[in-house]
N, C-alpha and C. Protein backbone atom coordinates (compact mmCIF):
# COMPACT_ATOMS: atom_id res chain seq x y z
N MET A 1 110.89 115.95 121.90
CA MET A 1 110.14 114.70 121.76
C MET A 1 109.57 114.63 120.34
N ASP A 2 109.72 113.49 119.72
CA ASP A 2 109.29 113.28 118.34
C ASP A 2 107.90 112.64 118.35
N LEU A 3 106.90 113.38 117.88
CA LEU A 3 105.53 112.86 117.86
C LEU A 3 105.09 112.41 116.48
N GLU A 4 106.00 112.47 115.51
CA GLU A 4 105.68 112.07 114.16
C GLU A 4 105.40 110.58 114.10
N GLU A 5 104.33 110.22 113.39
CA GLU A 5 103.99 108.81 113.25
C GLU A 5 105.04 108.13 112.38
N LYS A 6 105.50 107.00 112.82
CA LYS A 6 106.53 106.26 112.08
C LYS A 6 105.98 104.91 111.68
N SER A 7 106.36 104.47 110.49
CA SER A 7 105.93 103.15 110.03
C SER A 7 106.96 102.12 110.46
N LEU A 8 106.51 100.89 110.51
CA LEU A 8 107.38 99.79 110.87
C LEU A 8 108.12 99.36 109.61
N GLU A 9 109.42 99.62 109.57
CA GLU A 9 110.20 99.31 108.37
C GLU A 9 111.04 98.07 108.54
N GLU A 10 111.41 97.75 109.77
CA GLU A 10 112.19 96.55 110.03
C GLU A 10 111.53 95.78 111.15
N ILE A 11 111.69 94.50 111.08
CA ILE A 11 111.08 93.66 112.10
C ILE A 11 112.07 92.53 112.41
N GLY A 12 112.05 92.04 113.62
CA GLY A 12 112.95 90.96 113.98
C GLY A 12 112.67 89.70 113.20
N ASP A 13 113.60 88.77 113.24
CA ASP A 13 113.43 87.51 112.50
C ASP A 13 112.99 86.38 113.41
N ARG A 14 112.54 86.73 114.63
CA ARG A 14 112.10 85.73 115.60
C ARG A 14 110.70 86.08 116.11
N CYS A 15 109.91 85.05 116.42
CA CYS A 15 108.57 85.24 116.98
C CYS A 15 108.69 85.89 118.36
N GLU A 16 107.87 86.91 118.60
CA GLU A 16 107.90 87.61 119.88
C GLU A 16 107.33 86.77 121.02
N GLU A 17 106.61 85.70 120.71
CA GLU A 17 106.04 84.83 121.74
C GLU A 17 106.94 83.66 122.09
N CYS A 18 107.41 82.95 121.07
CA CYS A 18 108.14 81.70 121.34
C CYS A 18 109.59 81.72 120.89
N GLY A 19 109.99 82.74 120.12
CA GLY A 19 111.37 82.84 119.68
C GLY A 19 111.70 82.03 118.44
N ALA A 20 110.70 81.41 117.82
CA ALA A 20 110.95 80.61 116.62
C ALA A 20 111.40 81.51 115.48
N LYS A 21 112.26 81.00 114.62
CA LYS A 21 112.73 81.74 113.45
C LYS A 21 111.55 81.92 112.50
N LEU A 22 111.32 83.17 112.05
CA LEU A 22 110.21 83.47 111.16
C LEU A 22 110.58 83.20 109.71
N THR A 23 109.58 82.76 108.94
CA THR A 23 109.77 82.58 107.51
C THR A 23 109.65 83.95 106.83
N LYS A 24 110.04 84.01 105.58
CA LYS A 24 109.91 85.26 104.83
C LYS A 24 108.45 85.71 104.78
N ALA A 25 107.53 84.78 104.59
CA ALA A 25 106.10 85.10 104.53
C ALA A 25 105.61 85.65 105.87
N GLU A 26 106.08 85.08 106.98
CA GLU A 26 105.67 85.55 108.30
C GLU A 26 106.20 86.97 108.57
N ILE A 27 107.42 87.24 108.13
CA ILE A 27 108.00 88.58 108.29
C ILE A 27 107.20 89.58 107.46
N GLU A 28 106.88 89.22 106.21
CA GLU A 28 106.11 90.11 105.34
C GLU A 28 104.72 90.36 105.92
N ALA A 29 104.09 89.34 106.51
CA ALA A 29 102.77 89.52 107.12
C ALA A 29 102.85 90.49 108.30
N ALA A 30 103.90 90.39 109.09
CA ALA A 30 104.08 91.30 110.22
C ALA A 30 104.30 92.72 109.74
N LEU A 31 105.08 92.90 108.68
CA LEU A 31 105.31 94.23 108.12
C LEU A 31 104.01 94.82 107.57
N ASP A 32 103.22 93.99 106.86
CA ASP A 32 101.96 94.45 106.28
C ASP A 32 100.94 94.86 107.34
N SER A 33 100.92 94.10 108.44
CA SER A 33 99.93 94.38 109.49
C SER A 33 100.42 95.41 110.50
N GLY A 34 101.71 95.75 110.44
CA GLY A 34 102.25 96.69 111.41
C GLY A 34 102.74 96.03 112.67
N GLY A 35 102.89 94.70 112.65
CA GLY A 35 103.44 93.98 113.79
C GLY A 35 102.35 93.38 114.62
N PRO A 36 102.62 92.65 115.62
CA PRO A 36 103.92 92.19 116.09
C PRO A 36 104.46 91.04 115.24
N ALA A 37 105.72 90.73 115.44
CA ALA A 37 106.37 89.64 114.71
C ALA A 37 105.99 88.33 115.37
N LEU A 38 105.12 87.56 114.71
CA LEU A 38 104.64 86.30 115.26
C LEU A 38 104.77 85.18 114.24
N CYS A 39 105.06 83.98 114.73
CA CYS A 39 105.07 82.81 113.85
C CYS A 39 103.62 82.49 113.47
N THR A 40 103.44 81.60 112.53
CA THR A 40 102.10 81.25 112.06
C THR A 40 101.23 80.73 113.19
N VAL A 41 101.80 79.91 114.07
CA VAL A 41 101.04 79.35 115.20
C VAL A 41 100.49 80.46 116.08
N HIS A 42 101.33 81.40 116.47
CA HIS A 42 100.88 82.46 117.37
C HIS A 42 100.05 83.52 116.65
N ALA A 43 100.31 83.74 115.37
CA ALA A 43 99.50 84.69 114.61
C ALA A 43 98.06 84.20 114.50
N ASP A 44 97.86 82.89 114.42
CA ASP A 44 96.52 82.32 114.34
C ASP A 44 95.75 82.49 115.65
N GLU A 45 96.46 82.71 116.76
CA GLU A 45 95.81 82.88 118.05
C GLU A 45 95.33 84.30 118.30
N VAL A 46 95.76 85.25 117.46
CA VAL A 46 95.38 86.65 117.64
C VAL A 46 93.92 86.81 117.22
N VAL A 47 93.11 87.40 118.10
CA VAL A 47 91.70 87.62 117.83
C VAL A 47 91.48 89.13 117.68
N PRO A 48 90.94 89.56 116.53
CA PRO A 48 90.68 90.99 116.35
C PRO A 48 89.74 91.52 117.43
N VAL A 49 89.94 92.76 117.81
CA VAL A 49 89.10 93.39 118.84
C VAL A 49 87.65 93.37 118.39
N GLY A 50 86.75 93.01 119.28
CA GLY A 50 85.33 92.97 118.97
C GLY A 50 84.86 91.60 118.50
N GLU A 51 85.76 90.67 118.31
CA GLU A 51 85.38 89.34 117.84
C GLU A 51 85.61 88.27 118.88
N GLU A 52 85.89 88.68 120.11
CA GLU A 52 86.10 87.69 121.16
C GLU A 52 84.79 86.98 121.47
N ASP A 53 84.88 85.73 121.85
CA ASP A 53 83.71 84.98 122.28
C ASP A 53 83.58 85.18 123.78
N ASP A 54 82.57 85.97 124.19
CA ASP A 54 82.43 86.28 125.61
C ASP A 54 81.62 85.22 126.37
N GLY A 55 81.20 84.18 125.67
CA GLY A 55 80.48 83.11 126.33
C GLY A 55 78.98 83.38 126.45
N PHE A 56 78.55 84.55 126.00
CA PHE A 56 77.14 84.90 126.07
C PHE A 56 76.57 84.86 124.65
N GLY A 57 76.14 83.70 124.24
CA GLY A 57 75.61 83.54 122.90
C GLY A 57 74.33 84.33 122.72
N GLU A 58 74.07 84.74 121.48
CA GLU A 58 72.84 85.47 121.18
C GLU A 58 71.71 84.46 121.08
N GLU A 59 70.73 84.61 121.94
CA GLU A 59 69.61 83.68 121.93
C GLU A 59 68.31 84.43 121.91
């Protein structure tokens, strides 16, 4: 079993959510971030961990 950490060197040319063809910029963004391969629309929907709005505002 290979436990060596591997970097993402290749990525598909289609969005993993909707299947849309990715632009060169979208592919480069996925490579820079380590994936997943998402179109601009779906990449904008990704919320970093800890930044979700839980509905409990600070008051």
